[in-house]
Amino acid sequence: MVTSAAGSAGSADSVGAPVAACDVVTVPARQGLEAVDILRRGAGDEAVGPVLHDDGGDTLAFLVPPGTAAAWDVPGSVCTGTEPAAETGEWLLPPGEAELATDPAVLREALGEARRLIDAADSCQ
């Protein structure tokens, strides 16, 4: 069950639309924010599904189709078969304003590109 951005439990998002069960890919915030930018630049807003930013600002959680966790193997990230609890963060891209879920293959590619960009930037310091 996804908790709405307002913090009340339910099976609806912050705009009242039903949210289907999804797996969740959690990544460090810096890499996740880069990946969101890459996804939005490359294929537009429809390429990225709902994304939750945790309260501490440490991680981003991408909603991906159910079953993704079984084959997820991207270093530096974790994929679980559980849904994020919105009361522990805020929607960067809320359900209803984004596609239902991010394509795992597209996300894998974007996370890899984001990691390469971060590594390159860090090596210049």
Protein backbone atom coordinates (compact mmCIF):
# COMPACT_ATOMS: atom_id res chain seq x y z
CA MET A 1 0.00 0.00 0.00
CA VAL A 2 1.32 3.45 -0.90
CA THR A 3 0.71 6.17 1.62
CA SER A 4 -0.40 9.46 0.18
CA ALA A 5 1.86 12.48 0.30
CA ALA A 6 -0.49 13.87 2.92
CA GLY A 7 0.45 10.99 5.18
CA SER A 8 -2.80 9.07 5.41
CA ALA A 9 -2.74 5.36 4.64
CA GLY A 10 -4.61 4.16 1.60
CA SER A 11 -4.30 2.80 -1.88
CA ALA A 12 -4.40 6.20 -3.53
CA ASP A 13 -1.84 8.82 -4.37
CA SER A 14 -1.90 12.49 -3.39
CA VAL A 15 -4.35 13.32 -6.18
CA GLY A 16 -6.71 10.44 -5.36
CA ALA A 17 -5.88 8.08 -8.24
CA PRO A 18 -5.28 4.41 -7.41
CA VAL A 19 -1.63 3.35 -7.22
CA ALA A 20 -0.81 -0.15 -8.42
CA ALA A 21 1.62 -2.39 -6.55
CA CYS A 22 5.20 -1.74 -7.61
CA ASP A 23 8.74 -2.70 -6.68
CA VAL A 24 11.04 0.09 -5.50
CA VAL A 25 14.60 0.89 -6.57
CA THR A 26 16.40 2.96 -3.92
CA VAL A 27 19.55 4.88 -4.83
CA PRO A 28 21.71 7.62 -3.28
CA ALA A 29 20.05 11.00 -3.83
CA ARG A 30 22.86 12.47 -5.92
CA GLN A 31 22.81 9.59 -8.39
CA GLY A 32 19.03 9.47 -8.39
CA LEU A 33 18.62 13.16 -9.14
CA GLU A 34 21.11 12.87 -12.01
CA ALA A 35 19.17 9.86 -13.32
CA VAL A 36 15.86 11.77 -13.17
CA ASP A 37 17.46 14.57 -15.22
CA ILE A 38 18.85 12.06 -17.72
CA LEU A 39 15.48 10.32 -18.07
CA ARG A 40 13.57 13.57 -18.51
CA ARG A 41 16.05 14.95 -21.05
CA GLY A 42 16.26 11.73 -23.04
CA ALA A 43 12.67 10.64 -23.44
CA GLY A 44 10.64 13.35 -21.77
CA ASP A 45 8.49 13.19 -18.67
CA GLU A 46 6.82 9.95 -19.75
CA ALA A 47 10.10 8.03 -19.28
CA VAL A 48 10.14 8.35 -15.50
CA GLY A 49 7.51 7.11 -13.08
CA PRO A 50 6.85 8.29 -9.53
CA VAL A 51 9.95 9.11 -7.46
CA LEU A 52 10.05 9.60 -3.69
CA HIS A 53 12.76 11.68 -1.94
CA ASP A 54 13.33 10.62 1.67
CA ASP A 55 13.08 13.11 4.55
CA GLY A 56 16.81 13.05 5.24
CA GLY A 57 17.58 13.78 1.60
CA ASP A 58 19.84 10.73 1.41
CA THR A 59 17.96 8.57 -1.10
CA LEU A 60 15.50 8.56 -3.97
CA ALA A 61 13.06 5.70 -4.54
CA PHE A 62 11.88 4.93 -8.09
CA LEU A 63 8.69 2.92 -8.57
CA VAL A 64 9.30 0.11 -11.07
CA PRO A 65 7.05 -2.74 -12.28
CA PRO A 66 6.38 -5.65 -9.91
CA GLY A 67 8.92 -8.45 -10.30
CA THR A 68 11.87 -6.14 -11.01
CA ALA A 69 13.51 -7.00 -7.67
CA ALA A 70 14.08 -10.61 -8.73
CA ALA A 71 16.63 -9.61 -11.40
CA TRP A 72 17.90 -6.21 -10.20
CA ASP A 73 21.69 -6.14 -10.02
CA VAL A 74 22.79 -2.51 -10.30
CA PRO A 75 25.68 -1.75 -7.91
CA GLY A 76 24.97 1.01 -5.40
CA SER A 77 21.21 0.49 -5.51
CA VAL A 78 18.67 -1.80 -3.90
CA CYS A 79 15.43 -3.08 -5.37
CA THR A 80 12.76 -4.44 -3.08
CA GLY A 81 9.27 -5.75 -3.61
CA THR A 82 7.87 -3.24 -1.18
CA GLU A 83 6.26 0.10 -1.80
CA PRO A 84 7.72 3.27 -0.28
CA ALA A 85 5.90 4.97 2.55
CA ALA A 86 5.30 8.58 1.55
CA GLU A 87 5.19 9.68 5.18
CA THR A 88 8.99 9.17 5.26
CA GLY A 89 9.58 11.60 2.43
CA GLU A 90 8.04 13.72 -0.27
CA TRP A 91 7.18 12.88 -3.83
CA LEU A 92 9.66 14.40 -6.28
CA LEU A 93 7.40 13.10 -9.06
CA PRO A 94 4.05 12.12 -7.50
CA PRO A 95 1.87 9.28 -8.73
CA GLY A 96 -0.65 10.78 -11.11
CA GLU A 97 1.84 13.34 -12.42
CA ALA A 98 4.18 10.64 -13.76
CA GLU A 99 3.83 7.34 -15.54
CA LEU A 100 2.82 4.41 -13.34
CA ALA A 101 6.35 2.96 -13.16
CA THR A 102 9.78 3.54 -14.63
CA ASP A 103 10.99 0.93 -17.13
CA PRO A 104 13.76 -0.99 -15.29
CA ALA A 105 16.00 -1.24 -18.37
CA VAL A 106 15.75 2.50 -18.99
CA LEU A 107 16.39 3.21 -15.30
CA ARG A 108 19.42 0.87 -15.26
CA GLU A 109 20.92 2.76 -18.21
CA ALA A 110 20.21 6.18 -16.66
CA LEU A 111 21.72 5.14 -13.31
CA GLY A 112 24.86 3.94 -15.10
CA GLU A 113 25.18 7.22 -16.99
CA ALA A 114 24.57 9.17 -13.78
CA ARG A 115 27.32 7.18 -12.00
CA ARG A 116 29.77 7.93 -14.84
CA LEU A 117 28.95 11.66 -14.73
CA ILE A 118 29.38 11.79 -10.95
CA ASP A 119 32.67 9.90 -11.12
CA ALA A 120 33.94 12.28 -13.81
CA ALA A 121 32.90 15.35 -11.83
CA ASP A 122 34.46 14.02 -8.63
CA SER A 123 37.75 13.26 -10.40
CA CYS A 124 38.06 16.93 -11.41
CA GLN A 125 38.10 18.16 -7.80
